[in-house]
N, C-alpha and C. Protein backbone atom coordinates (compact mmCIF):
# COMPACT_ATOMS: atom_id res chain seq x y z
N UNK A 1 0.84 -1.17 0.00
CA UNK A 1 0.00 0.00 0.00
C UNK A 1 0.89 1.25 0.00
N UNK A 2 0.50 2.26 -0.80
CA UNK A 2 1.28 3.51 -0.91
C UNK A 2 0.78 4.56 0.07
N UNK A 3 1.70 5.34 0.59
CA UNK A 3 1.31 6.44 1.49
C UNK A 3 0.92 7.64 0.65
N UNK A 4 -0.07 8.37 1.11
CA UNK A 4 -0.51 9.56 0.42
C UNK A 4 0.45 10.71 0.70
N UNK A 5 0.78 11.49 -0.34
CA UNK A 5 1.74 12.59 -0.17
C UNK A 5 1.05 13.89 0.20
N UNK A 6 -0.23 13.98 0.06
CA UNK A 6 -0.95 15.20 0.47
C UNK A 6 -0.82 16.34 -0.51
N UNK A 7 -1.16 16.21 -1.75
CA UNK A 7 -1.11 17.27 -2.75
C UNK A 7 -0.60 16.72 -4.05
N UNK A 8 -0.96 17.38 -5.12
CA UNK A 8 -0.50 16.83 -6.40
C UNK A 8 0.87 17.35 -6.75
N UNK A 9 1.52 16.65 -7.65
CA UNK A 9 2.90 16.95 -8.04
C UNK A 9 3.02 18.32 -8.69
N UNK A 10 2.02 18.72 -9.47
CA UNK A 10 2.05 20.00 -10.18
C UNK A 10 2.10 21.17 -9.18
N UNK A 11 1.32 21.10 -8.12
CA UNK A 11 1.30 22.15 -7.10
C UNK A 11 2.64 22.22 -6.38
N UNK A 12 3.22 21.08 -6.06
CA UNK A 12 4.51 21.05 -5.37
C UNK A 12 5.62 21.64 -6.23
N UNK A 13 5.63 21.33 -7.52
CA UNK A 13 6.65 21.87 -8.43
C UNK A 13 6.47 23.37 -8.58
N UNK A 14 5.24 23.84 -8.71
CA UNK A 14 4.98 25.29 -8.83
C UNK A 14 5.43 26.03 -7.58
N UNK A 15 5.13 25.46 -6.43
CA UNK A 15 5.53 26.10 -5.18
C UNK A 15 7.05 26.15 -5.06
N UNK A 16 7.71 25.08 -5.47
CA UNK A 16 9.17 25.04 -5.42
C UNK A 16 9.77 26.15 -6.28
N UNK A 17 9.30 26.29 -7.53
CA UNK A 17 9.85 27.31 -8.41
C UNK A 17 9.52 28.72 -7.93
N UNK A 18 8.37 28.90 -7.34
CA UNK A 18 8.00 30.20 -6.78
C UNK A 18 8.94 30.57 -5.63
N UNK A 19 9.17 29.63 -4.74
CA UNK A 19 10.08 29.90 -3.61
C UNK A 19 11.53 30.08 -4.07
N UNK A 20 11.96 29.27 -5.03
CA UNK A 20 13.33 29.39 -5.55
C UNK A 20 13.52 30.73 -6.25
N UNK A 21 12.53 31.16 -7.01
CA UNK A 21 12.60 32.47 -7.70
C UNK A 21 12.66 33.61 -6.71
N UNK A 22 11.83 33.53 -5.66
CA UNK A 22 11.84 34.57 -4.63
C UNK A 22 13.18 34.62 -3.91
N UNK A 23 13.74 33.46 -3.62
CA UNK A 23 15.04 33.41 -2.95
C UNK A 23 16.14 34.02 -3.82
N UNK A 24 16.10 33.72 -5.12
CA UNK A 24 17.09 34.29 -6.03
C UNK A 24 16.97 35.81 -6.11
N UNK A 25 15.74 36.31 -6.17
CA UNK A 25 15.54 37.75 -6.24
C UNK A 25 16.03 38.44 -4.98
N UNK A 26 15.75 37.84 -3.83
CA UNK A 26 16.13 38.47 -2.57
C UNK A 26 17.63 38.38 -2.32
N UNK A 27 18.24 37.26 -2.62
CA UNK A 27 19.67 37.12 -2.34
C UNK A 27 20.54 37.66 -3.46
N UNK A 28 20.02 37.74 -4.66
CA UNK A 28 20.82 38.18 -5.80
C UNK A 28 20.62 39.64 -6.13
N UNK A 29 19.98 40.40 -5.27
CA UNK A 29 19.67 41.80 -5.55
C UNK A 29 20.69 42.72 -4.87
N UNK A 30 21.14 43.70 -5.60
CA UNK A 30 21.98 44.74 -5.02
C UNK A 30 21.59 46.05 -5.67
N UNK A 31 21.95 47.16 -5.07
CA UNK A 31 21.64 48.46 -5.64
C UNK A 31 22.87 48.99 -6.36
N UNK A 32 22.67 49.46 -7.59
CA UNK A 32 23.75 50.05 -8.36
C UNK A 32 23.34 51.44 -8.81
N UNK A 33 24.35 52.28 -9.02
CA UNK A 33 24.11 53.66 -9.44
C UNK A 33 23.33 53.67 -10.75
N UNK A 34 22.30 54.49 -10.80
CA UNK A 34 21.44 54.55 -11.96
C UNK A 34 21.59 55.89 -12.69
N UNK A 35 21.45 56.99 -11.94
CA UNK A 35 21.57 58.31 -12.57
C UNK A 35 21.75 59.38 -11.50
N UNK A 36 22.10 60.58 -11.95
CA UNK A 36 22.26 61.72 -11.05
C UNK A 36 21.54 62.92 -11.67
N UNK A 37 20.98 63.75 -10.79
CA UNK A 37 20.25 64.93 -11.23
C UNK A 37 20.75 66.13 -10.44
N UNK A 38 21.01 67.23 -11.11
CA UNK A 38 21.40 68.45 -10.42
C UNK A 38 22.90 68.70 -10.43
N UNK A 39 23.32 69.61 -9.57
CA UNK A 39 24.72 70.01 -9.47
C UNK A 39 25.27 69.58 -8.13
N UNK A 40 26.26 68.70 -8.14
CA UNK A 40 26.90 68.26 -6.91
C UNK A 40 28.08 69.19 -6.61
N UNK A 41 28.11 69.73 -5.41
CA UNK A 41 29.19 70.61 -4.99
C UNK A 41 30.23 69.74 -4.30
N UNK A 42 31.45 69.78 -4.81
CA UNK A 42 32.53 68.95 -4.27
C UNK A 42 33.36 69.72 -3.24
N UNK A 43 34.14 69.01 -2.47
CA UNK A 43 35.00 69.66 -1.47
C UNK A 43 36.05 70.54 -2.15
N UNK A 44 36.52 70.14 -3.33
CA UNK A 44 37.49 70.96 -4.07
C UNK A 44 36.86 72.30 -4.48
N UNK A 45 35.59 72.26 -4.89
CA UNK A 45 34.91 73.51 -5.25
C UNK A 45 34.68 74.38 -4.02
N UNK A 46 34.33 73.77 -2.91
CA UNK A 46 34.11 74.54 -1.68
C UNK A 46 35.38 75.26 -1.26
N UNK A 47 36.53 74.64 -1.45
CA UNK A 47 37.80 75.26 -1.09
C UNK A 47 38.09 76.51 -1.93
N UNK A 48 37.46 76.60 -3.10
CA UNK A 48 37.63 77.78 -3.96
C UNK A 48 36.79 78.97 -3.50
N UNK A 49 35.78 78.71 -2.68
CA UNK A 49 34.89 79.78 -2.21
C UNK A 49 35.53 80.49 -1.03
N UNK A 50 35.72 81.78 -1.15
CA UNK A 50 36.33 82.61 -0.09
C UNK A 50 35.29 83.59 0.44
N UNK A 51 35.00 83.49 1.73
CA UNK A 51 34.03 84.40 2.35
C UNK A 51 34.49 85.85 2.19
N UNK A 52 33.56 86.70 1.78
CA UNK A 52 33.86 88.13 1.63
C UNK A 52 34.59 88.48 0.34
N UNK A 53 35.00 87.48 -0.47
CA UNK A 53 35.75 87.77 -1.70
C UNK A 53 35.11 87.15 -2.95
N UNK A 54 34.55 85.93 -2.83
CA UNK A 54 33.97 85.26 -3.99
C UNK A 54 32.66 85.94 -4.36
N UNK A 55 32.52 86.30 -5.63
CA UNK A 55 31.32 86.99 -6.11
C UNK A 55 30.32 86.00 -6.71
N UNK A 56 29.14 86.51 -7.02
CA UNK A 56 28.11 85.68 -7.64
C UNK A 56 28.57 85.21 -9.03
N UNK A 57 29.29 86.06 -9.74
CA UNK A 57 29.83 85.68 -11.05
C UNK A 57 30.87 84.57 -10.89
N UNK A 58 31.72 84.67 -9.85
CA UNK A 58 32.68 83.61 -9.57
C UNK A 58 31.97 82.28 -9.32
N UNK A 59 30.86 82.33 -8.57
CA UNK A 59 30.10 81.12 -8.27
C UNK A 59 29.50 80.52 -9.53
N UNK A 60 28.99 81.38 -10.41
CA UNK A 60 28.42 80.88 -11.67
C UNK A 60 29.46 80.15 -12.50
N UNK A 61 30.69 80.67 -12.51
CA UNK A 61 31.77 80.00 -13.24
C UNK A 61 32.18 78.68 -12.56
N UNK A 62 32.18 78.69 -11.23
CA UNK A 62 32.63 77.54 -10.47
C UNK A 62 31.58 76.43 -10.39
N UNK A 63 30.32 76.80 -10.16
CA UNK A 63 29.28 75.81 -9.89
C UNK A 63 28.16 75.74 -10.92
N UNK A 64 28.07 76.74 -11.78
CA UNK A 64 26.95 76.78 -12.72
C UNK A 64 25.74 77.44 -12.08
N UNK A 65 24.59 77.24 -12.68
CA UNK A 65 23.35 77.85 -12.19
C UNK A 65 22.79 77.08 -11.00
N UNK A 66 22.30 77.80 -9.99
CA UNK A 66 21.69 77.11 -8.84
C UNK A 66 20.30 76.58 -9.18
N UNK A 67 19.85 75.62 -8.39
CA UNK A 67 18.49 75.09 -8.56
C UNK A 67 17.45 76.09 -8.06
N UNK A 68 17.81 76.84 -7.01
CA UNK A 68 16.91 77.84 -6.44
C UNK A 68 17.69 79.12 -6.17
N UNK A 69 16.99 80.24 -6.34
CA UNK A 69 17.59 81.54 -6.05
C UNK A 69 16.49 82.43 -5.49
N UNK A 70 16.71 83.00 -4.32
CA UNK A 70 15.68 83.85 -3.74
C UNK A 70 16.30 85.04 -3.03
N UNK A 71 15.54 86.12 -3.01
CA UNK A 71 15.97 87.33 -2.31
C UNK A 71 15.43 87.28 -0.89
N UNK A 72 16.30 87.58 0.08
CA UNK A 72 15.91 87.54 1.49
C UNK A 72 15.50 88.94 1.96
N UNK A 73 14.87 89.01 3.12
CA UNK A 73 14.37 90.28 3.66
C UNK A 73 15.47 91.31 3.88
N UNK A 74 16.67 90.85 4.26
CA UNK A 74 17.76 91.78 4.55
C UNK A 74 18.53 92.21 3.30
N UNK A 75 18.04 91.82 2.12
CA UNK A 75 18.69 92.21 0.87
C UNK A 75 19.69 91.20 0.34
N UNK A 76 19.99 90.19 1.13
CA UNK A 76 20.91 89.14 0.68
C UNK A 76 20.21 88.22 -0.32
N UNK A 77 21.00 87.45 -1.03
CA UNK A 77 20.48 86.45 -1.96
C UNK A 77 20.85 85.06 -1.45
N UNK A 78 19.92 84.16 -1.57
CA UNK A 78 20.14 82.76 -1.16
C UNK A 78 20.16 81.89 -2.41
N UNK A 79 21.28 81.20 -2.62
CA UNK A 79 21.41 80.27 -3.75
C UNK A 79 21.45 78.86 -3.19
N UNK A 80 20.72 77.94 -3.82
CA UNK A 80 20.71 76.55 -3.39
C UNK A 80 21.05 75.66 -4.58
N UNK A 81 22.07 74.85 -4.40
CA UNK A 81 22.48 73.86 -5.39
C UNK A 81 22.01 72.50 -4.88
N UNK A 82 21.19 71.81 -5.66
CA UNK A 82 20.65 70.52 -5.25
C UNK A 82 21.19 69.41 -6.15
N UNK A 83 21.35 68.24 -5.55
CA UNK A 83 21.88 67.09 -6.27
C UNK A 83 21.25 65.83 -5.72
N UNK A 84 20.89 64.91 -6.61
CA UNK A 84 20.29 63.63 -6.22
C UNK A 84 20.96 62.50 -7.00
N UNK A 85 21.45 61.50 -6.27
CA UNK A 85 21.92 60.25 -6.87
C UNK A 85 20.77 59.26 -6.78
N UNK A 86 20.52 58.54 -7.86
CA UNK A 86 19.46 57.54 -7.86
C UNK A 86 20.09 56.17 -8.02
N UNK A 87 19.76 55.27 -7.10
CA UNK A 87 20.28 53.90 -7.10
C UNK A 87 19.11 52.95 -7.33
N UNK A 88 19.24 52.05 -8.29
CA UNK A 88 18.17 51.11 -8.63
C UNK A 88 18.60 49.68 -8.30
N UNK A 89 17.62 48.84 -7.92
CA UNK A 89 17.96 47.45 -7.64
C UNK A 89 18.40 46.72 -8.90
N UNK A 90 19.44 45.93 -8.78
CA UNK A 90 19.94 45.13 -9.90
C UNK A 90 19.92 43.67 -9.47
N UNK A 91 19.34 42.84 -10.31
CA UNK A 91 19.18 41.42 -10.01
C UNK A 91 20.20 40.59 -10.76
N UNK A 92 20.25 39.32 -10.42
CA UNK A 92 21.13 38.39 -11.13
C UNK A 92 20.88 38.50 -12.62
N UNK A 93 21.92 38.46 -13.40
CA UNK A 93 21.78 38.59 -14.84
C UNK A 93 21.88 40.04 -15.30
N UNK A 94 22.00 40.99 -14.36
CA UNK A 94 22.19 42.39 -14.71
C UNK A 94 20.92 43.19 -14.94
N UNK A 95 19.75 42.59 -14.73
CA UNK A 95 18.51 43.34 -14.92
C UNK A 95 18.39 44.42 -13.85
N UNK A 96 18.19 45.65 -14.30
CA UNK A 96 18.07 46.78 -13.37
C UNK A 96 16.63 47.26 -13.37
N UNK A 97 15.98 47.18 -12.21
CA UNK A 97 14.58 47.58 -12.08
C UNK A 97 14.54 49.03 -11.62
N UNK A 98 14.18 49.91 -12.51
CA UNK A 98 14.12 51.34 -12.16
C UNK A 98 12.70 51.74 -11.83
N UNK A 99 12.57 52.61 -10.85
CA UNK A 99 11.25 53.11 -10.51
C UNK A 99 10.92 52.99 -9.05
N UNK A 100 9.97 52.14 -8.74
CA UNK A 100 9.35 52.08 -7.42
C UNK A 100 10.33 51.78 -6.29
N UNK A 101 11.29 50.90 -6.49
CA UNK A 101 12.20 50.49 -5.42
C UNK A 101 13.52 51.26 -5.43
N UNK A 102 13.61 52.34 -6.21
CA UNK A 102 14.84 53.14 -6.25
C UNK A 102 15.13 53.74 -4.87
N UNK A 103 16.41 53.92 -4.59
CA UNK A 103 16.86 54.64 -3.41
C UNK A 103 17.49 55.93 -3.89
N UNK A 104 17.21 57.01 -3.20
CA UNK A 104 17.77 58.30 -3.59
C UNK A 104 18.64 58.85 -2.46
N UNK A 105 19.73 59.49 -2.85
CA UNK A 105 20.60 60.18 -1.90
C UNK A 105 20.60 61.64 -2.33
N UNK A 106 20.08 62.49 -1.47
CA UNK A 106 19.94 63.92 -1.78
C UNK A 106 20.94 64.75 -1.02
N UNK A 107 21.42 65.80 -1.66
CA UNK A 107 22.28 66.80 -1.02
C UNK A 107 21.82 68.18 -1.46
N UNK A 108 21.99 69.14 -0.59
CA UNK A 108 21.71 70.54 -0.93
C UNK A 108 22.80 71.40 -0.31
N UNK A 109 23.24 72.38 -1.09
CA UNK A 109 24.31 73.28 -0.64
C UNK A 109 23.77 74.70 -0.78
N UNK A 110 23.78 75.44 0.32
CA UNK A 110 23.22 76.79 0.37
C UNK A 110 24.35 77.82 0.46
N UNK A 111 24.21 78.87 -0.33
CA UNK A 111 25.18 79.97 -0.30
C UNK A 111 24.39 81.27 -0.12
N UNK A 112 24.83 82.09 0.82
CA UNK A 112 24.22 83.40 1.05
C UNK A 112 25.18 84.46 0.52
N UNK A 113 24.63 85.34 -0.34
CA UNK A 113 25.42 86.43 -0.93
C UNK A 113 24.84 87.75 -0.46
N UNK A 114 25.70 88.62 0.04
CA UNK A 114 25.26 89.95 0.45
C UNK A 114 26.31 90.96 0.00
N UNK A 115 25.85 92.07 -0.51
CA UNK A 115 26.72 93.13 -1.03
C UNK A 115 27.64 92.59 -2.13
N UNK A 116 27.14 91.61 -2.90
CA UNK A 116 27.87 91.11 -4.06
C UNK A 116 28.88 90.02 -3.80
N UNK A 117 29.09 89.64 -2.51
CA UNK A 117 30.08 88.60 -2.20
C UNK A 117 29.46 87.54 -1.27
N UNK A 118 30.13 86.40 -1.20
CA UNK A 118 29.65 85.29 -0.37
C UNK A 118 29.77 85.66 1.11
N UNK A 119 28.65 85.59 1.80
CA UNK A 119 28.60 85.85 3.23
C UNK A 119 28.76 84.54 4.02
N UNK A 120 28.11 83.47 3.54
CA UNK A 120 28.19 82.17 4.21
C UNK A 120 27.79 81.06 3.25
N UNK A 121 28.13 79.83 3.64
CA UNK A 121 27.70 78.66 2.87
C UNK A 121 27.65 77.46 3.80
N UNK A 122 26.82 76.48 3.42
CA UNK A 122 26.67 75.29 4.23
C UNK A 122 25.93 74.21 3.45
N UNK A 123 26.18 72.95 3.84
CA UNK A 123 25.36 71.85 3.38
C UNK A 123 24.11 71.84 4.24
N UNK A 124 22.98 71.50 3.66
CA UNK A 124 21.74 71.44 4.42
C UNK A 124 20.94 70.21 3.99
N UNK A 125 19.98 69.84 4.81
CA UNK A 125 19.12 68.71 4.46
C UNK A 125 18.10 69.19 3.45
N UNK A 126 17.98 68.45 2.34
CA UNK A 126 17.03 68.88 1.30
C UNK A 126 15.59 68.71 1.74
């Protein structure tokens, strides 16, 4: 007499492949650089900025156009340079899934200009 296995072979094979596929996706996934948006301010560029001496024209040559520019109540100008790195999940075989599961790394660099020269600068949370 044969013992009953409790389910048909087709269901067991389907479940096996479903679990194996899920395991491969979870263990074989890593995040790789996908793209960047904006202007990233580097430490070498920051070293070129001199408080009280660097002008707005100097900044335009050094960093390009800011993402945001606004006039403050005291007459100073606030420039913000924003940058975002986008990392997408990459699976075994090199398939890169872009979109919903992307991770982003954001940076923002603020510069205050008053009387035509840099008054202050800092990294800030975007």
